[in-house]
C-alpha atoms as a PDB file:
ATOM      1  CA  UNK A   1      12.012  10.402  10.322  1.00  0.00           C
ATOM      2  CA  UNK A   2      11.078   7.563  12.450  1.00  0.00           C
ATOM      3  CA  UNK A   3      10.010   8.348  16.069  1.00  0.00           C
ATOM      4  CA  UNK A   4      10.419   6.860  18.931  1.00  0.00           C
ATOM      5  CA  UNK A   5       7.695   5.174  20.009  1.00  0.00           C
ATOM      6  CA  UNK A   6       5.970   7.495  22.831  1.00  0.00           C
ATOM      7  CA  UNK A   7       1.889   8.674  23.503  1.00  0.00           C
ATOM      8  CA  UNK A   8       2.761  11.674  21.437  1.00  0.00           C
ATOM      9  CA  UNK A   9       4.080   9.282  18.213  1.00  0.00           C
ATOM     10  CA  UNK A  10       1.490   7.181  18.735  1.00  0.00           C
ATOM     11  CA  UNK A  11      -1.156   9.957  18.447  1.00  0.00           C
ATOM     12  CA  UNK A  12       0.840  11.496  15.313  1.00  0.00           C
ATOM     13  CA  UNK A  13       0.465   7.798  13.872  1.00  0.00           C
ATOM     14  CA  UNK A  14      -3.409   7.146  14.889  1.00  0.00           C
ATOM     15  CA  UNK A  15      -5.010  10.520  13.947  1.00  0.00           C
ATOM     16  CA  UNK A  16      -8.436   9.445  13.745  1.00  0.00           C
ATOM     17  CA  UNK A  17      -8.365   7.600  17.089  1.00  0.00           C
ATOM     18  CA  UNK A  18      -9.353   8.766  20.521  1.00  0.00           C
ATOM     19  CA  UNK A  19      -6.806   9.547  23.439  1.00  0.00           C
ATOM     20  CA  UNK A  20      -7.975   6.275  25.159  1.00  0.00           C
ATOM     21  CA  UNK A  21      -6.938   4.631  22.047  1.00  0.00           C
ATOM     22  CA  UNK A  22      -3.486   6.038  22.290  1.00  0.00           C
ATOM     23  CA  UNK A  23      -3.115   5.458  25.484  1.00  0.00           C
ATOM     24  CA  UNK A  24      -3.795   1.755  25.060  1.00  0.00           C
ATOM     25  CA  UNK A  25      -1.635   1.294  22.314  1.00  0.00           C
ATOM     26  CA  UNK A  26       1.108   3.297  24.768  1.00  0.00           C
ATOM     27  CA  UNK A  27       0.656   0.632  27.829  1.00  0.00           C
ATOM     28  CA  UNK A  28       0.803  -2.495  25.765  1.00  0.00           C
ATOM     29  CA  UNK A  29       3.970  -1.332  24.018  1.00  0.00           C
ATOM     30  CA  UNK A  30       4.760  -0.631  27.741  1.00  0.00           C
ATOM     31  CA  UNK A  31       4.052  -3.866  29.166  1.00  0.00           C
ATOM     32  CA  UNK A  32       6.056  -5.513  26.569  1.00  0.00           C
ATOM     33  CA  UNK A  33       8.879  -3.178  26.895  1.00  0.00           C
ATOM     34  CA  UNK A  34       9.250  -1.051  23.643  1.00  0.00           C
ATOM     35  CA  UNK A  35       8.195   2.246  24.491  1.00  0.00           C
ATOM     36  CA  UNK A  36      11.169   4.378  23.783  1.00  0.00           C
ATOM     37  CA  UNK A  37      12.382   2.520  21.029  1.00  0.00           C
ATOM     38  CA  UNK A  38      12.260   3.415  17.701  1.00  0.00           C
ATOM     39  CA  UNK A  39       9.338   2.621  15.728  1.00  0.00           C
ATOM     40  CA  UNK A  40       8.370   1.893  12.496  1.00  0.00           C
ATOM     41  CA  UNK A  41       5.281   3.572  10.961  1.00  0.00           C
ATOM     42  CA  UNK A  42       2.866   3.022   8.565  1.00  0.00           C
ATOM     43  CA  UNK A  43       0.686   5.415   7.168  1.00  0.00           C
ATOM     44  CA  UNK A  44      -2.303   3.169   7.130  1.00  0.00           C
ATOM     45  CA  UNK A  45      -1.279   0.935  10.107  1.00  0.00           C
ATOM     46  CA  UNK A  46       0.332   2.883  12.302  1.00  0.00           C
ATOM     47  CA  UNK A  47       3.083   0.530  14.706  1.00  0.00           C
ATOM     48  CA  UNK A  48       4.635  -1.721  12.464  1.00  0.00           C
ATOM     49  CA  UNK A  49       8.023  -2.400  13.456  1.00  0.00           C
ATOM     50  CA  UNK A  50      10.982  -1.623  15.688  1.00  0.00           C
ATOM     51  CA  UNK A  51      14.580  -0.993  14.572  1.00  0.00           C
ATOM     52  CA  UNK A  52      17.302  -3.343  15.663  1.00  0.00           C
ATOM     53  CA  UNK A  53      21.388  -2.815  15.648  1.00  0.00           C
ATOM     54  CA  UNK A  54      22.911  -4.558  12.691  1.00  0.00           C
ATOM     55  CA  UNK A  55      23.754  -7.626  15.032  1.00  0.00           C
ATOM     56  CA  UNK A  56      20.555  -8.626  15.605  1.00  0.00           C
ATOM     57  CA  UNK A  57      21.391 -12.248  14.655  1.00  0.00           C
ATOM     58  CA  UNK A  58      17.951 -13.036  13.330  1.00  0.00           C
ATOM     59  CA  UNK A  59      18.804 -13.972  10.171  1.00  0.00           C
ATOM     60  CA  UNK A  60      15.760 -12.620   7.548  1.00  0.00           C
ATOM     61  CA  UNK A  61      13.446 -12.005  10.840  1.00  0.00           C
ATOM     62  CA  UNK A  62      14.946  -8.479   9.941  1.00  0.00           C
ATOM     63  CA  UNK A  63      14.326  -6.695   6.856  1.00  0.00           C
ATOM     64  CA  UNK A  64      16.283  -3.484   6.434  1.00  0.00           C
ATOM     65  CA  UNK A  65      17.031  -3.006   9.881  1.00  0.00           C
ATOM     66  CA  UNK A  66      13.253  -3.284  10.816  1.00  0.00           C
ATOM     67  CA  UNK A  67      11.694  -6.118  13.046  1.00  0.00           C
ATOM     68  CA  UNK A  68       8.402  -6.503  12.360  1.00  0.00           C
ATOM     69  CA  UNK A  69       5.764  -6.474  15.037  1.00  0.00           C
ATOM     70  CA  UNK A  70       1.683  -6.933  15.151  1.00  0.00           C
ATOM     71  CA  UNK A  71       0.179  -5.013  17.204  1.00  0.00           C
ATOM     72  CA  UNK A  72      -3.249  -7.101  17.454  1.00  0.00           C
ATOM     73  CA  UNK A  73      -0.986 -10.237  18.991  1.00  0.00           C
ATOM     74  CA  UNK A  74       2.708  -8.113  20.364  1.00  0.00           C
ATOM     75  CA  UNK A  75       3.732  -9.771  22.901  1.00  0.00           C
ATOM     76  CA  UNK A  76       3.619 -13.002  20.800  1.00  0.00           C
ATOM     77  CA  UNK A  77       5.218 -11.252  17.928  1.00  0.00           C
ATOM     78  CA  UNK A  78       7.775 -10.349  19.543  1.00  0.00           C
ATOM     79  CA  UNK A  79       9.036 -13.608  20.837  1.00  0.00           C
ATOM     80  CA  UNK A  80      11.742 -14.396  18.400  1.00  0.00           C
ATOM     81  CA  UNK A  81      13.411 -11.152  19.573  1.00  0.00           C
ATOM     82  CA  UNK A  82      12.894 -11.331  23.485  1.00  0.00           C
ATOM     83  CA  UNK A  83      13.681 -14.786  23.675  1.00  0.00           C
ATOM     84  CA  UNK A  84      17.236 -13.492  24.110  1.00  0.00           C
ATOM     85  CA  UNK A  85      17.428 -12.142  27.930  1.00  0.00           C
ATOM     86  CA  UNK A  86      19.483  -9.493  26.508  1.00  0.00           C
ATOM     87  CA  UNK A  87      17.338  -8.371  23.566  1.00  0.00           C
ATOM     88  CA  UNK A  88      17.399  -4.250  24.667  1.00  0.00           C
ATOM     89  CA  UNK A  89      20.823  -4.035  23.479  1.00  0.00           C
ATOM     90  CA  UNK A  90      19.778  -4.489  19.965  1.00  0.00           C
ATOM     91  CA  UNK A  91      16.660  -2.034  19.721  1.00  0.00           C
ATOM     92  CA  UNK A  92      17.350   1.437  18.651  1.00  0.00           C
ATOM     93  CA  UNK A  93      16.513   4.149  20.882  1.00  0.00           C
ATOM     94  CA  UNK A  94      17.601   6.922  18.812  1.00  0.00           C
ATOM     95  CA  UNK A  95      20.237   9.141  18.666  1.00  0.00           C
ATOM     96  CA  UNK A  96      19.922  13.221  19.355  1.00  0.00           C
ATOM     97  CA  UNK A  97      21.000  16.046  17.533  1.00  0.00           C
ATOM     98  CA  UNK A  98      22.962  18.333  19.381  1.00  0.00           C
ATOM     99  CA  UNK A  99      20.561  21.570  19.766  1.00  0.00           C
ATOM    100  CA  UNK A 100      23.712  24.303  19.652  1.00  0.00           C
ATOM    101  CA  UNK A 101      27.407  24.207  19.433  1.00  0.00           C
ATOM    102  CA  UNK A 102      29.000  27.471  20.171  1.00  0.00           C
ATOM    103  CA  UNK A 103      32.589  28.340  20.302  1.00  0.00           C
ATOM    104  CA  UNK A 104      34.510  31.205  21.954  1.00  0.00           C
ATOM    105  CA  UNK A 105      38.059  32.559  19.899  1.00  0.00           C
ATOM    106  CA  UNK A 106      40.047  35.234  21.620  1.00  0.00           C
ATOM    107  CA  UNK A 107      37.321  38.216  22.156  1.00  0.00           C
ATOM    108  CA  UNK A 108      33.688  39.260  20.943  1.00  0.00           C
ATOM    109  CA  UNK A 109      30.728  36.703  20.945  1.00  0.00           C
ATOM    110  CA  UNK A 110      30.764  33.056  20.567  1.00  0.00           C
ATOM    111  CA  UNK A 111      30.807  31.900  16.987  1.00  0.00           C
ATOM    112  CA  UNK A 112      29.188  28.825  15.333  1.00  0.00           C
ATOM    113  CA  UNK A 113      32.269  25.944  15.001  1.00  0.00           C
ATOM    114  CA  UNK A 114      33.826  24.934  11.580  1.00  0.00           C
ATOM    115  CA  UNK A 115      32.694  21.359  10.225  1.00  0.00           C
ATOM    116  CA  UNK A 116      35.698  19.641  12.267  1.00  0.00           C
ATOM    117  CA  UNK A 117      35.570  22.143  15.679  1.00  0.00           C
ATOM    118  CA  UNK A 118      31.202  20.340  15.555  1.00  0.00           C
ATOM    119  CA  UNK A 119      32.591  16.827  14.545  1.00  0.00           C
ATOM    120  CA  UNK A 120      35.229  17.050  17.596  1.00  0.00           C
ATOM    121  CA  UNK A 121      32.419  18.459  20.089  1.00  0.00           C
ATOM    122  CA  UNK A 122      30.421  15.591  18.791  1.00  0.00           C
ATOM    123  CA  UNK A 123      32.990  13.214  19.655  1.00  0.00           C
ATOM    124  CA  UNK A 124      33.936  14.234  23.187  1.00  0.00           C
ATOM    125  CA  UNK A 125      30.183  14.309  23.945  1.00  0.00           C
ATOM    126  CA  UNK A 126      30.522  10.068  22.862  1.00  0.00           C
ATOM    127  CA  UNK A 127      33.131   9.653  24.506  1.00  0.00           C
ATOM    128  CA  UNK A 128      32.065  10.791  27.820  1.00  0.00           C
ATOM    129  CA  UNK A 129      29.158   8.502  27.234  1.00  0.00           C
ATOM    130  CA  UNK A 130      31.467   5.794  26.920  1.00  0.00           C
ATOM    131  CA  UNK A 131      33.110   6.068  29.764  1.00  0.00           C
ATOM    132  CA  UNK A 132      29.989   5.521  32.009  1.00  0.00           C
ATOM    133  CA  UNK A 133      27.698   2.810  29.554  1.00  0.00           C
ATOM    134  CA  UNK A 134      29.942   0.253  28.304  1.00  0.00           C
ATOM    135  CA  UNK A 135      27.155  -0.743  25.908  1.00  0.00           C
ATOM    136  CA  UNK A 136      27.839   2.452  23.828  1.00  0.00           C
ATOM    137  CA  UNK A 137      31.519   2.055  23.079  1.00  0.00           C
ATOM    138  CA  UNK A 138      32.704   5.285  21.257  1.00  0.00           C
ATOM    139  CA  UNK A 139      33.594   3.104  18.056  1.00  0.00           C
ATOM    140  CA  UNK A 140      30.387   1.807  17.706  1.00  0.00           C
ATOM    141  CA  UNK A 141      28.745   4.014  15.814  1.00  0.00           C
ATOM    142  CA  UNK A 142      25.138   2.575  15.934  1.00  0.00           C
ATOM    143  CA  UNK A 143      25.253   2.960  19.559  1.00  0.00           C
ATOM    144  CA  UNK A 144      26.541   6.851  19.777  1.00  0.00           C
ATOM    145  CA  UNK A 145      23.501   8.600  21.128  1.00  0.00           C
ATOM    146  CA  UNK A 146      24.915  12.279  19.611  1.00  0.00           C
ATOM    147  CA  UNK A 147      24.755  11.598  15.432  1.00  0.00           C
ATOM    148  CA  UNK A 148      24.017  14.790  13.881  1.00  0.00           C
ATOM    149  CA  UNK A 149      25.357  18.380  13.914  1.00  0.00           C
ATOM    150  CA  UNK A 150      23.471  21.374  15.324  1.00  0.00           C
ATOM    151  CA  UNK A 151      19.879  21.491  14.909  1.00  0.00           C
ATOM    152  CA  UNK A 152      19.751  25.498  15.160  1.00  0.00           C
ATOM    153  CA  UNK A 153      20.727  24.944  11.244  1.00  0.00           C
ATOM    154  CA  UNK A 154      17.857  22.808  10.440  1.00  0.00           C
ATOM    155  CA  UNK A 155      15.877  24.727   8.487  1.00  0.00           C
ATOM    156  CA  UNK A 156      18.925  26.481   6.551  1.00  0.00           C
ATOM    157  CA  UNK A 157      20.522  23.315   5.714  1.00  0.00           C
ATOM    158  CA  UNK A 158      16.690  21.853   4.444  1.00  0.00           C
ATOM    159  CA  UNK A 159      16.468  25.282   1.908  1.00  0.00           C
ATOM    160  CA  UNK A 160      20.040  24.996   0.424  1.00  0.00           C
ATOM    161  CA  UNK A 161      19.951  21.270  -0.329  1.00  0.00           C
ATOM    162  CA  UNK A 162      16.727  19.743   0.165  1.00  0.00           C
ATOM    163  CA  UNK A 163      14.582  22.574  -1.110  1.00  0.00           C
ATOM    164  CA  UNK A 164      12.224  20.195  -3.420  1.00  0.00           C
ATOM    165  CA  UNK A 165      11.111  17.698   0.058  1.00  0.00           C
ATOM    166  CA  UNK A 166      10.342  20.765   2.160  1.00  0.00           C
ATOM    167  CA  UNK A 167       8.093  21.943  -0.529  1.00  0.00           C
ATOM    168  CA  UNK A 168       7.125  18.266  -1.059  1.00  0.00           C
ATOM    169  CA  UNK A 169       6.377  18.069   2.382  1.00  0.00           C
ATOM    170  CA  UNK A 170       4.283  21.534   2.684  1.00  0.00           C
ATOM    171  CA  UNK A 171       7.129  22.787   5.607  1.00  0.00           C
ATOM    172  CA  UNK A 172       9.799  21.520   8.368  1.00  0.00           C
ATOM    173  CA  UNK A 173       9.094  18.855  10.924  1.00  0.00           C
ATOM    174  CA  UNK A 174       8.124  20.516  13.301  1.00  0.00           C
ATOM    175  CA  UNK A 175      10.277  18.920  16.073  1.00  0.00           C
ATOM    176  CA  UNK A 176      13.872  19.482  14.980  1.00  0.00           C
ATOM    177  CA  UNK A 177      12.662  23.155  13.741  1.00  0.00           C
ATOM    178  CA  UNK A 178      11.342  24.271  16.634  1.00  0.00           C
ATOM    179  CA  UNK A 179      13.512  25.118  20.086  1.00  0.00           C
ATOM    180  CA  UNK A 180      13.912  21.722  22.205  1.00  0.00           C
ATOM    181  CA  UNK A 181      11.856  19.968  22.940  1.00  0.00           C
ATOM    182  CA  UNK A 182      12.319  20.473  26.666  1.00  0.00           C
ATOM    183  CA  UNK A 183      13.945  19.680  29.201  1.00  0.00           C
ATOM    184  CA  UNK A 184      17.408  20.475  27.561  1.00  0.00           C
ATOM    185  CA  UNK A 185      20.631  19.607  28.903  1.00  0.00           C
ATOM    186  CA  UNK A 186      23.708  22.243  28.310  1.00  0.00           C
ATOM    187  CA  UNK A 187      27.558  22.270  29.544  1.00  0.00           C
ATOM    188  CA  UNK A 188      29.447  25.821  29.586  1.00  0.00           C
ATOM    189  CA  UNK A 189      33.205  24.832  30.896  1.00  0.00           C
ATOM    190  CA  UNK A 190      32.503  21.962  32.290  1.00  0.00           C
ATOM    191  CA  UNK A 191      29.292  22.533  33.785  1.00  0.00           C
ATOM    192  CA  UNK A 192      26.029  21.025  33.600  1.00  0.00           C
ATOM    193  CA  UNK A 193      22.388  22.894  33.836  1.00  0.00           C
ATOM    194  CA  UNK A 194      18.719  21.924  32.543  1.00  0.00           C
ATOM    195  CA  UNK A 195      16.645  24.022  30.808  1.00  0.00           C
ATOM    196  CA  UNK A 196      13.040  23.511  31.345  1.00  0.00           C
ATOM    197  CA  UNK A 197      11.629  26.005  28.915  1.00  0.00           C
ATOM    198  CA  UNK A 198      12.426  28.858  25.465  1.00  0.00           C
ATOM    199  CA  UNK A 199      12.788  31.657  28.354  1.00  0.00           C
ATOM    200  CA  UNK A 200      15.355  29.857  30.211  1.00  0.00           C
ATOM    201  CA  UNK A 201      16.755  28.864  26.714  1.00  0.00           C
ATOM    202  CA  UNK A 202      17.150  32.728  26.415  1.00  0.00           C
ATOM    203  CA  UNK A 203      18.702  33.543  29.198  1.00  0.00           C
ATOM    204  CA  UNK A 204      21.390  30.675  28.719  1.00  0.00           C
ATOM    205  CA  UNK A 205      22.183  32.412  25.634  1.00  0.00           C
ATOM    206  CA  UNK A 206      22.354  35.870  27.135  1.00  0.00           C
ATOM    207  CA  UNK A 207      24.578  35.226  29.850  1.00  0.00           C
ATOM    208  CA  UNK A 208      27.287  33.539  27.752  1.00  0.00           C
ATOM    209  CA  UNK A 209      27.333  36.773  25.122  1.00  0.00           C
ATOM    210  CA  UNK A 210      25.465  34.650  22.608  1.00  0.00           C
ATOM    211  CA  UNK A 211      22.449  35.748  20.434  1.00  0.00           C
ATOM    212  CA  UNK A 212      19.317  33.072  20.054  1.00  0.00           C
ATOM    213  CA  UNK A 213      18.082  32.010  16.614  1.00  0.00           C
ATOM    214  CA  UNK A 214      15.409  34.764  15.524  1.00  0.00           C
ATOM    215  CA  UNK A 215      12.973  31.961  14.667  1.00  0.00           C
ATOM    216  CA  UNK A 216      12.925  30.699  18.541  1.00  0.00           C
ATOM    217  CA  UNK A 217      12.809  34.297  19.614  1.00  0.00           C
ATOM    218  CA  UNK A 218       9.703  33.833  22.164  1.00  0.00           C
ATOM    219  CA  UNK A 219       8.463  37.191  19.960  1.00  0.00           C
ATOM    220  CA  UNK A 220      11.361  37.068  17.326  1.00  0.00           C
ATOM    221  CA  UNK A 221       9.882  38.535  13.931  1.00  0.00           C
ATOM    222  CA  UNK A 222       9.867  35.620  12.122  1.00  0.00           C
ATOM    223  CA  UNK A 223       8.132  32.639  13.518  1.00  0.00           C
ATOM    224  CA  UNK A 224       7.191  29.449  12.902  1.00  0.00           C
ATOM    225  CA  UNK A 225       3.572  28.029  12.431  1.00  0.00           C
ATOM    226  CA  UNK A 226       1.956  25.201  11.978  1.00  0.00           C
ATOM    227  CA  UNK A 227      -0.604  22.204  13.730  1.00  0.00           C
ATOM    228  CA  UNK A 228       0.578  18.722  13.637  1.00  0.00           C
ATOM    229  CA  UNK A 229       4.043  17.393  12.326  1.00  0.00           C
ATOM    230  CA  UNK A 230       4.947  20.686   9.787  1.00  0.00           C
ATOM    231  CA  UNK A 231       5.730  23.663  10.334  1.00  0.00           C
ATOM    232  CA  UNK A 232       6.400  26.904   8.258  1.00  0.00           C
ATOM    233  CA  UNK A 233       7.956  30.339   8.384  1.00  0.00           C
ATOM    234  CA  UNK A 234       6.429  33.299   8.420  1.00  0.00           C
ATOM    235  CA  UNK A 235       7.534  36.461   6.126  1.00  0.00           C
ATOM    236  CA  UNK A 236      10.190  37.659   7.866  1.00  0.00           C
ATOM    237  CA  UNK A 237      13.088  40.299   6.195  1.00  0.00           C
ATOM    238  CA  UNK A 238      15.766  37.967   5.492  1.00  0.00           C
ATOM    239  CA  UNK A 239      15.760  36.438   2.129  1.00  0.00           C
ATOM    240  CA  UNK A 240      17.168  33.304   3.090  1.00  0.00           C
ATOM    241  CA  UNK A 241      14.129  32.409   5.391  1.00  0.00           C
ATOM    242  CA  UNK A 242      11.273  33.329   3.268  1.00  0.00           C
ATOM    243  CA  UNK A 243       8.267  31.609   2.784  1.00  0.00           C
ATOM    244  CA  UNK A 244       9.172  28.627   0.629  1.00  0.00           C
ATOM    245  CA  UNK A 245       8.102  26.245   2.619  1.00  0.00           C
ATOM    246  CA  UNK A 246       4.615  27.080   2.761  1.00  0.00           C
ATOM    247  CA  UNK A 247       4.232  27.499  -1.282  1.00  0.00           C
END
């Protein structure tokens, strides 16, 4: 999973380097305007490129959607791209998973939506963004901000459909498996709210009569554990989310 260029991503890409070094790289990227862009990272070399939309017009300078950059001469390596005064419209700044989607259907607690209902909600989000941001038209999928289903089902999806990858990686991607990162934007019946931490998220679920996913509960019986970019599940009472990832 490629990550946007930010201080935490830089620290993860250069684990043996100091915080001073990480800050220096971040400041370099910020100075040329590529912080927040989706970077292409190499395990040995660190940041080596950024992702561009398919209409970049740069020919063979871009390979598989990646524009190569050289951190030792960053500004110079970006010249072919930045010569266009509107170059920022070409870069990807990431897309967003919906955190959770709940629907009501008569009495009872909110429920998980069907695939069709989920797609409709995601489409409505992108439609709303398109109305206020002409650079993200609804029909241009590459520039839709919401592209994926609810993050809350990530672990179950990986165990059901990509178990071998979970075993190979020895865990799940921490930023997706955990609740957050905060803050989150939430909407219910047309009213927006900002959720700042896990306790506010739990209160939001409770206020709407919904049950928060067990592994996200601050004191849940099943917990995520791990240092770095991967986490595993502690043993719980349910077989479907067993400690498979830690084997």
